[in-house]
C-alpha atoms as a PDB file:
ATOM      1  CA  MET A   1     -34.164  70.688  27.944  1.00  0.00           C
ATOM      2  CA  ASN A   2     -34.248  67.273  29.590  1.00  0.00           C
ATOM      3  CA  ASN A   3     -35.260  65.653  26.326  1.00  0.00           C
ATOM      4  CA  SER A   4     -32.374  67.333  24.511  1.00  0.00           C
ATOM      5  CA  ARG A   5     -29.947  66.047  27.147  1.00  0.00           C
ATOM      6  CA  LEU A   6     -31.294  62.538  26.884  1.00  0.00           C
ATOM      7  CA  THR A   7     -31.020  62.665  23.127  1.00  0.00           C
ATOM      8  CA  LEU A   8     -27.451  63.946  23.337  1.00  0.00           C
ATOM      9  CA  LEU A   9     -26.495  61.285  25.881  1.00  0.00           C
ATOM     10  CA  GLY A  10     -28.029  58.655  23.696  1.00  0.00           C
ATOM     11  CA  ILE A  11     -26.077  59.871  20.691  1.00  0.00           C
ATOM     12  CA  ILE A  12     -22.858  59.959  22.730  1.00  0.00           C
ATOM     13  CA  ALA A  13     -23.477  56.444  24.058  1.00  0.00           C
ATOM     14  CA  PHE A  14     -24.219  55.165  20.571  1.00  0.00           C
ATOM     15  CA  VAL A  15     -21.056  56.751  19.161  1.00  0.00           C
ATOM     16  CA  ALA A  16     -19.032  55.404  22.100  1.00  0.00           C
ATOM     17  CA  LEU A  17     -20.424  51.937  21.490  1.00  0.00           C
ATOM     18  CA  ILE A  18     -19.452  52.117  17.816  1.00  0.00           C
ATOM     19  CA  VAL A  19     -15.963  53.351  18.701  1.00  0.00           C
ATOM     20  CA  LEU A  20     -15.617  50.585  21.299  1.00  0.00           C
ATOM     21  CA  SER A  21     -16.685  47.938  18.789  1.00  0.00           C
ATOM     22  CA  GLN A  22     -14.109  49.283  16.366  1.00  0.00           C
ATOM     23  CA  THR A  23     -11.414  49.277  19.054  1.00  0.00           C
ATOM     24  CA  ILE A  24     -11.826  45.964  20.849  1.00  0.00           C
ATOM     25  CA  TYR A  25     -11.842  42.532  19.261  1.00  0.00           C
ATOM     26  CA  ILE A  26     -11.420  38.952  20.488  1.00  0.00           C
ATOM     27  CA  VAL A  27      -9.022  36.314  19.159  1.00  0.00           C
ATOM     28  CA  GLY A  28     -10.069  32.767  20.038  1.00  0.00           C
ATOM     29  CA  GLN A  29      -7.763  29.926  21.026  1.00  0.00           C
ATOM     30  CA  THR A  30      -8.083  28.340  17.577  1.00  0.00           C
ATOM     31  CA  GLN A  31      -7.657  31.619  15.723  1.00  0.00           C
ATOM     32  CA  GLN A  32      -4.769  33.810  14.659  1.00  0.00           C
ATOM     33  CA  GLY A  33      -5.283  37.467  13.896  1.00  0.00           C
ATOM     34  CA  LEU A  34      -3.709  40.250  11.878  1.00  0.00           C
ATOM     35  CA  VAL A  35      -4.116  43.993  12.443  1.00  0.00           C
ATOM     36  CA  ILE A  36      -4.005  45.791   9.105  1.00  0.00           C
ATOM     37  CA  ARG A  37      -3.469  49.522   8.555  1.00  0.00           C
ATOM     38  CA  PHE A  38      -3.794  50.871   5.026  1.00  0.00           C
ATOM     39  CA  GLY A  39      -3.237  47.395   3.585  1.00  0.00           C
ATOM     40  CA  GLU A  40      -0.110  46.667   5.634  1.00  0.00           C
ATOM     41  CA  VAL A  41       0.109  44.198   8.545  1.00  0.00           C
ATOM     42  CA  VAL A  42       1.170  46.118  11.666  1.00  0.00           C
ATOM     43  CA  ARG A  43       0.513  43.541  14.418  1.00  0.00           C
ATOM     44  CA  THR A  44      -0.355  39.873  14.899  1.00  0.00           C
ATOM     45  CA  ALA A  45      -2.380  38.098  17.565  1.00  0.00           C
ATOM     46  CA  ASN A  46      -1.969  34.476  18.735  1.00  0.00           C
ATOM     47  CA  VAL A  47       0.726  33.879  16.132  1.00  0.00           C
ATOM     48  CA  GLY A  48       3.811  32.025  17.332  1.00  0.00           C
ATOM     49  CA  THR A  49       4.831  31.723  20.969  1.00  0.00           C
ATOM     50  CA  ASP A  50       4.998  35.448  21.760  1.00  0.00           C
ATOM     51  CA  ASP A  51       1.343  36.195  21.069  1.00  0.00           C
ATOM     52  CA  SER A  52      -1.645  34.890  22.985  1.00  0.00           C
ATOM     53  CA  PRO A  53      -5.402  34.726  22.362  1.00  0.00           C
ATOM     54  CA  GLY A  54      -7.939  36.876  24.170  1.00  0.00           C
ATOM     55  CA  LEU A  55      -9.136  40.484  24.161  1.00  0.00           C
ATOM     56  CA  LYS A  56      -7.184  42.780  21.817  1.00  0.00           C
ATOM     57  CA  ILE A  57      -7.199  46.522  20.979  1.00  0.00           C
ATOM     58  CA  LYS A  58      -6.714  48.321  17.686  1.00  0.00           C
ATOM     59  CA  MET A  59      -7.087  51.865  16.443  1.00  0.00           C
ATOM     60  CA  PRO A  60     -10.735  52.431  15.505  1.00  0.00           C
ATOM     61  CA  PHE A  61     -11.613  53.127  11.888  1.00  0.00           C
ATOM     62  CA  VAL A  62      -7.941  53.249  10.869  1.00  0.00           C
ATOM     63  CA  GLU A  63      -6.980  49.639  11.605  1.00  0.00           C
ATOM     64  CA  THR A  64      -8.917  46.509  10.709  1.00  0.00           C
ATOM     65  CA  ARG A  65      -8.546  42.978  12.014  1.00  0.00           C
ATOM     66  CA  LEU A  66      -8.484  39.764   9.993  1.00  0.00           C
ATOM     67  CA  LEU A  67      -8.827  36.334  11.635  1.00  0.00           C
ATOM     68  CA  PHE A  68      -7.618  32.980  10.258  1.00  0.00           C
ATOM     69  CA  ASP A  69      -8.391  29.514  11.628  1.00  0.00           C
ATOM     70  CA  LYS A  70      -5.356  27.704  13.028  1.00  0.00           C
ATOM     71  CA  ARG A  71      -6.923  24.287  12.587  1.00  0.00           C
ATOM     72  CA  ASN A  72      -6.638  22.031   9.558  1.00  0.00           C
ATOM     73  CA  ARG A  73      -8.596  23.196   6.551  1.00  0.00           C
ATOM     74  CA  GLY A  74     -10.051  21.082   3.748  1.00  0.00           C
ATOM     75  CA  LEU A  75     -10.107  21.774   0.027  1.00  0.00           C
ATOM     76  CA  GLU A  76     -11.885  19.651  -2.561  1.00  0.00           C
ATOM     77  CA  ALA A  77      -9.787  19.855  -5.690  1.00  0.00           C
ATOM     78  CA  ALA A  78     -11.620  20.112  -8.972  1.00  0.00           C
ATOM     79  CA  GLN A  79     -11.946  16.853 -10.881  1.00  0.00           C
ATOM     80  CA  ARG A  80      -9.346  16.543 -13.605  1.00  0.00           C
ATOM     81  CA  GLU A  81      -8.347  14.113 -16.342  1.00  0.00           C
ATOM     82  CA  ILE A  82      -4.892  12.597 -15.836  1.00  0.00           C
ATOM     83  CA  ILE A  83      -2.921  10.560 -18.382  1.00  0.00           C
ATOM     84  CA  ALA A  84      -1.200   7.725 -16.498  1.00  0.00           C
ATOM     85  CA  GLY A  85       2.214   6.316 -17.307  1.00  0.00           C
ATOM     86  CA  ASN A  86       0.680   3.593 -19.495  1.00  0.00           C
ATOM     87  CA  GLN A  87      -1.233   6.272 -21.460  1.00  0.00           C
ATOM     88  CA  GLU A  88      -4.568   5.415 -19.854  1.00  0.00           C
ATOM     89  CA  ARG A  89      -6.868   8.359 -19.135  1.00  0.00           C
ATOM     90  CA  LEU A  90      -8.274   8.637 -15.603  1.00  0.00           C
ATOM     91  CA  ILE A  91     -10.722  11.049 -14.006  1.00  0.00           C
ATOM     92  CA  VAL A  92      -9.133  11.864 -10.625  1.00  0.00           C
ATOM     93  CA  ASP A  93     -11.001  13.356  -7.682  1.00  0.00           C
ATOM     94  CA  ALA A  94      -8.650  14.513  -4.886  1.00  0.00           C
ATOM     95  CA  PHE A  95      -9.028  16.088  -1.452  1.00  0.00           C
ATOM     96  CA  VAL A  96      -6.375  18.232   0.274  1.00  0.00           C
ATOM     97  CA  ARG A  97      -5.977  19.156   3.925  1.00  0.00           C
ATOM     98  CA  TYR A  98      -3.765  22.107   4.839  1.00  0.00           C
ATOM     99  CA  ARG A  99      -3.059  24.488   7.708  1.00  0.00           C
ATOM    100  CA  ILE A 100      -2.182  28.200   7.733  1.00  0.00           C
ATOM    101  CA  VAL A 101       1.164  28.443   9.528  1.00  0.00           C
ATOM    102  CA  ALA A 102       2.320  31.892   8.391  1.00  0.00           C
ATOM    103  CA  PRO A 103      -0.746  34.186   8.351  1.00  0.00           C
ATOM    104  CA  VAL A 104       1.202  37.303   7.326  1.00  0.00           C
ATOM    105  CA  ARG A 105       2.597  35.532   4.256  1.00  0.00           C
ATOM    106  CA  PHE A 106      -0.804  33.964   3.564  1.00  0.00           C
ATOM    107  CA  TYR A 107      -2.455  37.401   3.665  1.00  0.00           C
ATOM    108  CA  THR A 108       0.253  38.919   1.461  1.00  0.00           C
ATOM    109  CA  ARG A 109      -0.134  36.209  -1.205  1.00  0.00           C
ATOM    110  CA  LEU A 110      -3.857  35.423  -1.026  1.00  0.00           C
ATOM    111  CA  GLY A 111      -5.576  38.212   0.875  1.00  0.00           C
ATOM    112  CA  ASP A 112      -8.099  35.882   2.535  1.00  0.00           C
ATOM    113  CA  GLU A 113      -9.148  32.241   2.511  1.00  0.00           C
ATOM    114  CA  ARG A 114     -11.665  32.719  -0.257  1.00  0.00           C
ATOM    115  CA  ARG A 115      -8.808  32.951  -2.760  1.00  0.00           C
ATOM    116  CA  ALA A 116      -7.120  29.759  -1.513  1.00  0.00           C
ATOM    117  CA  PRO A 117      -8.835  27.410  -4.029  1.00  0.00           C
ATOM    118  CA  SER A 118      -7.908  29.596  -7.003  1.00  0.00           C
ATOM    119  CA  LEU A 119      -4.184  29.455  -6.087  1.00  0.00           C
ATOM    120  CA  LEU A 120      -4.009  25.927  -4.689  1.00  0.00           C
ATOM    121  CA  ASN A 121      -5.877  24.167  -7.504  1.00  0.00           C
ATOM    122  CA  PRO A 122      -3.149  24.817 -10.127  1.00  0.00           C
ATOM    123  CA  LEU A 123      -0.512  23.503  -7.702  1.00  0.00           C
ATOM    124  CA  ILE A 124      -2.604  20.407  -6.957  1.00  0.00           C
ATOM    125  CA  ASN A 125      -3.134  19.843 -10.665  1.00  0.00           C
ATOM    126  CA  ALA A 126       0.608  20.072 -11.357  1.00  0.00           C
ATOM    127  CA  SER A 127       1.468  17.650  -8.528  1.00  0.00           C
ATOM    128  CA  LEU A 128      -1.141  15.113  -9.637  1.00  0.00           C
ATOM    129  CA  ARG A 129       0.065  15.190 -13.224  1.00  0.00           C
ATOM    130  CA  GLN A 130       3.732  14.918 -12.296  1.00  0.00           C
ATOM    131  CA  VAL A 131       3.333  11.974  -9.898  1.00  0.00           C
ATOM    132  CA  LEU A 132       0.502  10.045 -11.558  1.00  0.00           C
ATOM    133  CA  GLY A 133       1.998  10.584 -15.008  1.00  0.00           C
ATOM    134  CA  THR A 134       4.759   8.107 -14.111  1.00  0.00           C
ATOM    135  CA  ALA A 135       2.470   5.405 -12.658  1.00  0.00           C
ATOM    136  CA  ASN A 136       0.317   2.788 -14.375  1.00  0.00           C
ATOM    137  CA  SER A 137      -3.436   3.133 -14.121  1.00  0.00           C
ATOM    138  CA  GLU A 138      -3.672  -0.131 -12.141  1.00  0.00           C
ATOM    139  CA  ASP A 139      -1.267   1.268  -9.535  1.00  0.00           C
ATOM    140  CA  ILE A 140      -3.336   4.453  -9.242  1.00  0.00           C
ATOM    141  CA  VAL A 141      -6.623   2.594  -8.926  1.00  0.00           C
ATOM    142  CA  SER A 142      -5.513   0.109  -6.282  1.00  0.00           C
ATOM    143  CA  ALA A 143      -2.019  -1.365  -6.089  1.00  0.00           C
ATOM    144  CA  ARG A 144       0.103   1.647  -5.070  1.00  0.00           C
ATOM    145  CA  ARG A 145      -2.487   4.292  -4.236  1.00  0.00           C
ATOM    146  CA  ALA A 146      -1.245   4.950  -0.675  1.00  0.00           C
ATOM    147  CA  GLU A 147       2.356   5.319  -1.845  1.00  0.00           C
ATOM    148  CA  LEU A 148       1.341   7.634  -4.690  1.00  0.00           C
ATOM    149  CA  MET A 149      -0.766   9.823  -2.375  1.00  0.00           C
ATOM    150  CA  GLN A 150       2.264  10.290  -0.124  1.00  0.00           C
ATOM    151  CA  GLN A 151       4.366  11.299  -3.141  1.00  0.00           C
ATOM    152  CA  ILE A 152       1.685  13.793  -4.213  1.00  0.00           C
ATOM    153  CA  ARG A 153       1.563  15.262  -0.699  1.00  0.00           C
ATOM    154  CA  ASP A 154       5.339  15.744  -0.642  1.00  0.00           C
ATOM    155  CA  ASN A 155       5.317  17.234  -4.140  1.00  0.00           C
ATOM    156  CA  LEU A 156       2.492  19.645  -3.289  1.00  0.00           C
ATOM    157  CA  ALA A 157       4.189  20.629  -0.027  1.00  0.00           C
ATOM    158  CA  ARG A 158       7.346  21.598  -1.939  1.00  0.00           C
ATOM    159  CA  ARG A 159       5.337  23.624  -4.450  1.00  0.00           C
ATOM    160  CA  ALA A 160       3.462  25.437  -1.669  1.00  0.00           C
ATOM    161  CA  ALA A 161       6.734  26.240   0.105  1.00  0.00           C
ATOM    162  CA  THR A 162       8.303  27.523  -3.130  1.00  0.00           C
ATOM    163  CA  SER A 163       5.225  29.666  -3.805  1.00  0.00           C
ATOM    164  CA  LYS A 164       5.443  31.094  -0.251  1.00  0.00           C
ATOM    165  CA  LEU A 165       1.749  30.669   0.438  1.00  0.00           C
ATOM    166  CA  GLY A 166       2.209  30.433   4.200  1.00  0.00           C
ATOM    167  CA  ILE A 167       0.504  27.047   4.440  1.00  0.00           C
ATOM    168  CA  GLU A 168       1.545  23.543   5.451  1.00  0.00           C
ATOM    169  CA  VAL A 169       0.123  20.665   3.401  1.00  0.00           C
ATOM    170  CA  ILE A 170      -1.094  18.001   5.834  1.00  0.00           C
ATOM    171  CA  ASP A 171      -2.475  15.335   3.538  1.00  0.00           C
ATOM    172  CA  VAL A 172      -3.640  14.567   0.014  1.00  0.00           C
ATOM    173  CA  ARG A 173      -6.213  11.860  -0.665  1.00  0.00           C
ATOM    174  CA  ILE A 174      -7.329  10.426  -3.983  1.00  0.00           C
ATOM    175  CA  ARG A 175     -11.005   9.797  -3.387  1.00  0.00           C
ATOM    176  CA  SER A 176     -11.595   8.235  -6.785  1.00  0.00           C
ATOM    177  CA  ALA A 177      -9.655   7.472  -9.942  1.00  0.00           C
ATOM    178  CA  ASP A 178     -12.063   6.244 -12.600  1.00  0.00           C
ATOM    179  CA  LEU A 179     -11.750   5.506 -16.258  1.00  0.00           C
ATOM    180  CA  PRO A 180     -13.729   7.686 -18.646  1.00  0.00           C
ATOM    181  CA  GLN A 181     -16.994   5.968 -19.439  1.00  0.00           C
ATOM    182  CA  ALA A 182     -16.051   5.469 -23.082  1.00  0.00           C
ATOM    183  CA  ASN A 183     -12.846   3.612 -22.216  1.00  0.00           C
ATOM    184  CA  GLN A 184     -13.988   1.369 -19.374  1.00  0.00           C
ATOM    185  CA  ALA A 185     -15.053  -1.717 -21.370  1.00  0.00           C
ATOM    186  CA  ALA A 186     -11.854  -1.849 -23.466  1.00  0.00           C
ATOM    187  CA  VAL A 187      -9.571  -1.274 -20.500  1.00  0.00           C
ATOM    188  CA  PHE A 188     -11.288  -3.872 -18.315  1.00  0.00           C
ATOM    189  CA  GLU A 189     -11.053  -6.435 -21.115  1.00  0.00           C
ATOM    190  CA  ARG A 190      -7.348  -5.681 -21.530  1.00  0.00           C
ATOM    191  CA  MET A 191      -6.803  -6.011 -17.783  1.00  0.00           C
ATOM    192  CA  LYS A 192      -8.683  -9.325 -17.788  1.00  0.00           C
ATOM    193  CA  THR A 193      -6.518 -10.652 -20.633  1.00  0.00           C
ATOM    194  CA  ALA A 194      -3.348  -9.576 -18.852  1.00  0.00           C
ATOM    195  CA  ARG A 195      -4.444 -11.346 -15.673  1.00  0.00           C
ATOM    196  CA  GLN A 196      -5.276 -14.522 -17.605  1.00  0.00           C
ATOM    197  CA  GLN A 197      -1.862 -14.484 -19.253  1.00  0.00           C
ATOM    198  CA  GLU A 198      -0.190 -13.986 -15.905  1.00  0.00           C
ATOM    199  CA  ALA A 199      -2.177 -16.865 -14.399  1.00  0.00           C
ATOM    200  CA  ALA A 200      -1.224 -19.132 -17.329  1.00  0.00           C
ATOM    201  CA  ARG A 201       2.443 -18.227 -16.919  1.00  0.00           C
ATOM    202  CA  ILE A 202       2.383 -18.951 -13.188  1.00  0.00           C
ATOM    203  CA  ARG A 203       0.541 -22.240 -13.801  1.00  0.00           C
ATOM    204  CA  ALA A 204       3.117 -23.317 -16.421  1.00  0.00           C
ATOM    205  CA  GLU A 205       5.980 -22.437 -14.093  1.00  0.00           C
ATOM    206  CA  GLY A 206       4.326 -24.472 -11.336  1.00  0.00           C
ATOM    207  CA  GLN A 207       3.931 -27.503 -13.583  1.00  0.00           C
ATOM    208  CA  GLN A 208       7.545 -27.248 -14.741  1.00  0.00           C
ATOM    209  CA  LEU A 209       8.694 -27.004 -11.131  1.00  0.00           C
ATOM    210  CA  ARG A 210       6.567 -30.034 -10.251  1.00  0.00           C
ATOM    211  CA  ARG A 211       8.143 -32.065 -13.055  1.00  0.00           C
ATOM    212  CA  GLU A 212      11.618 -31.033 -11.942  1.00  0.00           C
ATOM    213  CA  ILE A 213      10.879 -32.003  -8.340  1.00  0.00           C
ATOM    214  CA  ILE A 214       9.499 -35.404  -9.379  1.00  0.00           C
ATOM    215  CA  ALA A 215      12.499 -36.047 -11.653  1.00  0.00           C
ATOM    216  CA  THR A 216      14.933 -35.094  -8.906  1.00  0.00           C
ATOM    217  CA  ALA A 217      13.107 -37.243  -6.361  1.00  0.00           C
ATOM    218  CA  THR A 218      13.017 -40.213  -8.760  1.00  0.00           C
ATOM    219  CA  GLU A 219      16.724 -39.875  -9.470  1.00  0.00           C
ATOM    220  CA  GLU A 220      17.523 -39.703  -5.769  1.00  0.00           C
ATOM    221  CA  ALA A 221      15.282 -42.715  -5.082  1.00  0.00           C
ATOM    222  CA  GLU A 222      17.022 -44.770  -7.783  1.00  0.00           C
ATOM    223  CA  THR A 223      20.402 -43.776  -6.383  1.00  0.00           C
ATOM    224  CA  ILE A 224      19.393 -44.773  -2.867  1.00  0.00           C
ATOM    225  CA  ARG A 225      17.859 -48.030  -4.134  1.00  0.00           C
ATOM    226  CA  GLY A 226      21.048 -48.869  -6.039  1.00  0.00           C
ATOM    227  CA  GLN A 227      23.155 -48.143  -2.987  1.00  0.00           C
ATOM    228  CA  ALA A 228      20.873 -50.333  -0.872  1.00  0.00           C
ATOM    229  CA  ASP A 229      21.037 -53.195  -3.393  1.00  0.00           C
ATOM    230  CA  ALA A 230      24.817 -52.931  -3.485  1.00  0.00           C
ATOM    231  CA  GLU A 231      24.975 -52.998   0.310  1.00  0.00           C
ATOM    232  CA  ARG A 232      22.574 -55.955   0.381  1.00  0.00           C
ATOM    233  CA  ALA A 233      24.655 -57.870  -2.155  1.00  0.00           C
ATOM    234  CA  LYS A 234      27.758 -57.069  -0.154  1.00  0.00           C
ATOM    235  CA  ILE A 235      26.178 -58.393   3.039  1.00  0.00           C
ATOM    236  CA  PHE A 236      24.942 -61.552   1.289  1.00  0.00           C
ATOM    237  CA  ALA A 237      28.324 -62.165  -0.319  1.00  0.00           C
ATOM    238  CA  SER A 238      29.973 -61.813   3.054  1.00  0.00           C
ATOM    239  CA  SER A 239      27.469 -64.216   4.614  1.00  0.00           C
ATOM    240  CA  TYR A 240      27.816 -66.743   1.793  1.00  0.00           C
ATOM    241  CA  GLY A 241      31.582 -66.709   2.162  1.00  0.00           C
ATOM    242  CA  ARG A 242      31.379 -67.505   5.879  1.00  0.00           C
ATOM    243  CA  ASP A 243      28.846 -70.341   5.595  1.00  0.00           C
ATOM    244  CA  PRO A 244      28.297 -71.938   2.138  1.00  0.00           C
ATOM    245  CA  GLY A 245      25.643 -74.293   3.607  1.00  0.00           C
ATOM    246  CA  PHE A 246      23.607 -71.353   4.845  1.00  0.00           C
ATOM    247  CA  ALA A 247      23.950 -69.741   1.449  1.00  0.00           C
ATOM    248  CA  ALA A 248      22.560 -72.821  -0.302  1.00  0.00           C
ATOM    249  CA  PHE A 249      19.740 -73.057   2.257  1.00  0.00           C
ATOM    250  CA  TYR A 250      18.840 -69.380   1.793  1.00  0.00           C
ATOM    251  CA  ARG A 251      18.725 -69.710  -1.993  1.00  0.00           C
ATOM    252  CA  SER A 252      16.479 -72.764  -1.702  1.00  0.00           C
ATOM    253  CA  MET A 253      14.112 -70.883   0.613  1.00  0.00           C
ATOM    254  CA  GLN A 254      13.905 -68.107  -1.963  1.00  0.00           C
ATOM    255  CA  ALA A 255      13.130 -70.653  -4.690  1.00  0.00           C
ATOM    256  CA  TYR A 256      10.409 -72.263  -2.544  1.00  0.00           C
ATOM    257  CA  GLU A 257       8.843 -68.868  -1.913  1.00  0.00           C
ATOM    258  CA  ALA A 258       8.937 -67.878  -5.576  1.00  0.00           C
ATOM    259  CA  SER A 259       7.477 -71.162  -6.836  1.00  0.00           C
ATOM    260  CA  MET A 260       4.730 -71.461  -4.228  1.00  0.00           C
ATOM    261  CA  ALA A 261       3.651 -67.892  -4.765  1.00  0.00           C
ATOM    262  CA  GLN A 262       2.436 -68.821  -8.239  1.00  0.00           C
ATOM    263  CA  GLY A 263      -0.943 -70.032  -6.925  1.00  0.00           C
ATOM    264  CA  ASP A 264      -2.464 -72.656  -9.229  1.00  0.00           C
ATOM    265  CA  THR A 265       0.795 -73.439 -11.044  1.00  0.00           C
ATOM    266  CA  THR A 266       1.462 -77.198 -11.176  1.00  0.00           C
ATOM    267  CA  MET A 267       5.022 -78.550 -10.856  1.00  0.00           C
ATOM    268  CA  VAL A 268       5.977 -82.156 -11.677  1.00  0.00           C
ATOM    269  CA  LEU A 269       9.241 -83.097  -9.927  1.00  0.00           C
ATOM    270  CA  SER A 270      10.842 -86.268  -8.666  1.00  0.00           C
ATOM    271  CA  PRO A 271      10.915 -86.704  -4.874  1.00  0.00           C
ATOM    272  CA  GLU A 272      14.626 -87.300  -5.230  1.00  0.00           C
ATOM    273  CA  SER A 273      15.112 -83.912  -6.903  1.00  0.00           C
ATOM    274  CA  ASP A 274      17.520 -81.448  -5.321  1.00  0.00           C
ATOM    275  CA  PHE A 275      14.644 -79.046  -5.206  1.00  0.00           C
ATOM    276  CA  PHE A 276      13.213 -80.949  -2.225  1.00  0.00           C
ATOM    277  CA  LYS A 277      16.567 -81.397  -0.603  1.00  0.00           C
ATOM    278  CA  TYR A 278      15.651 -79.489   2.540  1.00  0.00           C
ATOM    279  CA  PHE A 279      12.315 -81.326   2.877  1.00  0.00           C
ATOM    280  CA  SER A 280      14.188 -84.600   3.497  1.00  0.00           C
ATOM    281  CA  LYS A 281      15.052 -85.726   6.953  1.00  0.00           C
ATOM    282  CA  GLY A 282      18.614 -84.923   7.792  1.00  0.00           C
ATOM    283  CA  ALA A 283      19.053 -82.571   4.849  1.00  0.00           C
ATOM    284  CA  GLY A 284      20.359 -79.873   7.156  1.00  0.00           C
ATOM    285  CA  ARG A 285      23.367 -81.946   8.136  1.00  0.00           C
END
């Protein structure tokens, strides 16, 4: 009799434990939960400001609970071939980060997170093709990659909102954008030629600008020199008019300087020549 009671109590305790496990569940701080009855969401847990995490109760065996992570989630998009705006083919590898913000809508559209890649990948593919299809391959590879990634993120966010997936797109990153192996040599050679042509054009423009600067500077220098000579002549003319003797003396000094600067040049002149006028005693009177 005692053994039968113990067996019965054990069975009751076991059944009670199963019922309790089917009744009570815990929602963590970083989780959001749904209570589902016959495929329909009847309650939420830790969703929005009205719910809170912690210990929750549901009807055993009739209701089930489904938990989603509230934190950012990552999805590695499948590699795909994109035709850029300049008709170059690129193999693009992208990475998407998203967050579930409407778990009821997410459950209605996807069921659970395992189906997220199958629905998000077509949207990612469409966004990549739309944005990168208008950009040159050089911009995708390096020049405008950050700007293009932001455009892809915005485009994907709009598509996700239109599709009512219940997610918020946080970021999209292009991890690599490589040329197909068969096209790399030809494309690199074309890029090299384009860079050489650009360098030659810039060099020619620089040389032309240099010539223009030198010509302008020379013209300005000649103008200034002419103005200075005119001012000098004006000053001399004024001085000569005031003192003719000084003018004659000054011209003689210039002649002495010019003749004596010749070095070994020999001059044969009479001592009575006017050339030596100012070497004679009293010539200044």
